[in-house]
Amino acid sequence: MRNYEVVFVAAPTLTSEELEGFINHIQTVVEGKNGKLVKIDNWGKKSLAYKIKRFREAYYVVLSIEGDGGTIAEVERRFRVTDTIIRFISVRID
């Protein structure tokens, strides 16, 4: 099991309940792939450095995940097909 840090930026049009629901959905995806969501760090709504998809603000969320490459690939695939996710990045922690 490797450690990963995943940061995603969600659209500011989401409600806090929708954001929490999406985070819970990602948690079930990680656990379904035999991974573990170690830490959820919700930074809240912050202003962006530049406009992304017409938005000046967005929700920032940092996830610490223990798993393998397949787990992260599935999480990234879910990010790509979700319209409310503006940007994301996954980094393996050594």
C-alpha atoms as a PDB file:
ATOM      1  CA  MET A   1       0.000   0.000   0.000  1.00  0.00           C
ATOM      2  CA  ARG A   2       1.321   3.381  -1.009  1.00  0.00           C
ATOM      3  CA  ASN A   3       0.364   6.789   0.314  1.00  0.00           C
ATOM      4  CA  TYR A   4      -1.143   9.355  -2.023  1.00  0.00           C
ATOM      5  CA  GLU A   5      -2.314  12.898  -1.601  1.00  0.00           C
ATOM      6  CA  VAL A   6      -5.179  13.921  -3.864  1.00  0.00           C
ATOM      7  CA  VAL A   7      -6.252  17.550  -4.146  1.00  0.00           C
ATOM      8  CA  PHE A   8      -9.381  18.513  -6.038  1.00  0.00           C
ATOM      9  CA  VAL A   9     -11.119  21.787  -6.716  1.00  0.00           C
ATOM     10  CA  ALA A  10     -14.926  21.710  -6.927  1.00  0.00           C
ATOM     11  CA  ALA A  11     -17.296  24.287  -8.397  1.00  0.00           C
ATOM     12  CA  PRO A  12     -18.631  26.935  -6.000  1.00  0.00           C
ATOM     13  CA  THR A  13     -22.187  26.206  -7.152  1.00  0.00           C
ATOM     14  CA  LEU A  14     -22.229  23.065  -4.985  1.00  0.00           C
ATOM     15  CA  THR A  15     -23.932  23.139  -1.633  1.00  0.00           C
ATOM     16  CA  SER A  16     -22.025  21.874   1.387  1.00  0.00           C
ATOM     17  CA  GLU A  17     -24.296  18.795   1.494  1.00  0.00           C
ATOM     18  CA  GLU A  18     -23.528  17.970  -2.150  1.00  0.00           C
ATOM     19  CA  LEU A  19     -19.802  18.357  -1.512  1.00  0.00           C
ATOM     20  CA  GLU A  20     -19.975  16.084   1.537  1.00  0.00           C
ATOM     21  CA  GLY A  21     -21.983  13.566  -0.498  1.00  0.00           C
ATOM     22  CA  PHE A  22     -19.330  13.568  -3.219  1.00  0.00           C
ATOM     23  CA  ILE A  23     -16.557  13.083  -0.652  1.00  0.00           C
ATOM     24  CA  ASN A  24     -18.503  10.138   0.824  1.00  0.00           C
ATOM     25  CA  HIS A  25     -18.885   8.725  -2.688  1.00  0.00           C
ATOM     26  CA  ILE A  26     -15.112   8.944  -3.222  1.00  0.00           C
ATOM     27  CA  GLN A  27     -14.605   7.234   0.145  1.00  0.00           C
ATOM     28  CA  THR A  28     -16.791   4.286  -0.931  1.00  0.00           C
ATOM     29  CA  VAL A  29     -14.877   4.079  -4.234  1.00  0.00           C
ATOM     30  CA  VAL A  30     -11.541   3.964  -2.379  1.00  0.00           C
ATOM     31  CA  GLU A  31     -12.792   1.330   0.054  1.00  0.00           C
ATOM     32  CA  GLY A  32     -14.253  -0.685  -2.827  1.00  0.00           C
ATOM     33  CA  LYS A  33     -10.784  -0.856  -4.375  1.00  0.00           C
ATOM     34  CA  ASN A  34      -9.245  -2.101  -1.089  1.00  0.00           C
ATOM     35  CA  GLY A  35      -7.821   1.299  -0.218  1.00  0.00           C
ATOM     36  CA  LYS A  36      -8.219   3.479   2.825  1.00  0.00           C
ATOM     37  CA  LEU A  37      -9.098   7.154   3.092  1.00  0.00           C
ATOM     38  CA  VAL A  38      -6.786   8.249   5.892  1.00  0.00           C
ATOM     39  CA  LYS A  39      -7.597  11.962   6.137  1.00  0.00           C
ATOM     40  CA  ILE A  40     -10.071  14.435   4.638  1.00  0.00           C
ATOM     41  CA  ASP A  41      -9.050  18.079   4.800  1.00  0.00           C
ATOM     42  CA  ASN A  42     -11.805  20.374   3.532  1.00  0.00           C
ATOM     43  CA  TRP A  43     -10.322  23.857   3.089  1.00  0.00           C
ATOM     44  CA  GLY A  44     -13.652  25.397   2.148  1.00  0.00           C
ATOM     45  CA  LYS A  45     -14.322  28.026  -0.502  1.00  0.00           C
ATOM     46  CA  LYS A  46     -11.251  29.983  -1.614  1.00  0.00           C
ATOM     47  CA  SER A  47     -10.679  32.406  -4.453  1.00  0.00           C
ATOM     48  CA  LEU A  48      -8.784  31.118  -7.478  1.00  0.00           C
ATOM     49  CA  ALA A  49      -5.638  32.753  -8.857  1.00  0.00           C
ATOM     50  CA  TYR A  50      -7.300  32.967 -12.277  1.00  0.00           C
ATOM     51  CA  LYS A  51     -10.641  32.114 -13.833  1.00  0.00           C
ATOM     52  CA  ILE A  52     -11.269  28.434 -14.450  1.00  0.00           C
ATOM     53  CA  LYS A  53     -14.447  27.513 -16.336  1.00  0.00           C
ATOM     54  CA  ARG A  54     -15.976  30.960 -15.580  1.00  0.00           C
ATOM     55  CA  PHE A  55     -15.416  30.550 -11.817  1.00  0.00           C
ATOM     56  CA  ARG A  56     -13.460  32.930  -9.581  1.00  0.00           C
ATOM     57  CA  GLU A  57     -13.963  30.817  -6.412  1.00  0.00           C
ATOM     58  CA  ALA A  58     -13.977  27.093  -5.692  1.00  0.00           C
ATOM     59  CA  TYR A  59     -13.988  24.530  -2.899  1.00  0.00           C
ATOM     60  CA  TYR A  60     -10.603  22.966  -2.133  1.00  0.00           C
ATOM     61  CA  VAL A  61     -10.415  19.447  -0.655  1.00  0.00           C
ATOM     62  CA  VAL A  62      -7.278  17.437   0.176  1.00  0.00           C
ATOM     63  CA  LEU A  63      -7.554  13.644   0.589  1.00  0.00           C
ATOM     64  CA  SER A  64      -4.857  11.359   2.012  1.00  0.00           C
ATOM     65  CA  ILE A  65      -5.314   7.874   0.561  1.00  0.00           C
ATOM     66  CA  GLU A  66      -3.562   4.557   1.171  1.00  0.00           C
ATOM     67  CA  GLY A  67      -3.885   2.250  -1.800  1.00  0.00           C
ATOM     68  CA  ASP A  68      -2.384   1.105  -5.059  1.00  0.00           C
ATOM     69  CA  GLY A  69      -2.314   2.610  -8.534  1.00  0.00           C
ATOM     70  CA  GLY A  70      -5.662   1.076  -9.469  1.00  0.00           C
ATOM     71  CA  THR A  71      -7.361   2.866  -6.600  1.00  0.00           C
ATOM     72  CA  ILE A  72      -6.005   6.249  -7.665  1.00  0.00           C
ATOM     73  CA  ALA A  73      -6.807   5.561 -11.320  1.00  0.00           C
ATOM     74  CA  GLU A  74     -10.450   4.913 -10.418  1.00  0.00           C
ATOM     75  CA  VAL A  75     -10.647   8.049  -8.254  1.00  0.00           C
ATOM     76  CA  GLU A  76      -9.183  10.139 -11.095  1.00  0.00           C
ATOM     77  CA  ARG A  77     -11.646   8.593 -13.542  1.00  0.00           C
ATOM     78  CA  ARG A  78     -14.526   9.631 -11.259  1.00  0.00           C
ATOM     79  CA  PHE A  79     -13.107  13.163 -11.130  1.00  0.00           C
ATOM     80  CA  ARG A  80     -12.953  13.339 -14.937  1.00  0.00           C
ATOM     81  CA  VAL A  81     -16.590  12.319 -15.451  1.00  0.00           C
ATOM     82  CA  THR A  82     -17.943  14.624 -12.730  1.00  0.00           C
ATOM     83  CA  ASP A  83     -18.850  18.039 -14.126  1.00  0.00           C
ATOM     84  CA  THR A  84     -18.528  19.860 -10.805  1.00  0.00           C
ATOM     85  CA  ILE A  85     -14.829  18.979 -10.399  1.00  0.00           C
ATOM     86  CA  ILE A  86     -12.799  21.776 -11.953  1.00  0.00           C
ATOM     87  CA  ARG A  87      -9.248  20.514 -11.374  1.00  0.00           C
ATOM     88  CA  PHE A  88      -7.477  17.692  -9.523  1.00  0.00           C
ATOM     89  CA  ILE A  89      -3.997  16.382  -8.934  1.00  0.00           C
ATOM     90  CA  SER A  90      -2.710  13.152  -7.371  1.00  0.00           C
ATOM     91  CA  VAL A  91       0.755  12.869  -5.862  1.00  0.00           C
ATOM     92  CA  ARG A  92       2.443   9.781  -4.446  1.00  0.00           C
ATOM     93  CA  ILE A  93       4.048  10.428  -1.073  1.00  0.00           C
ATOM     94  CA  ASP A  94       7.310   8.549  -0.437  1.00  0.00           C
END
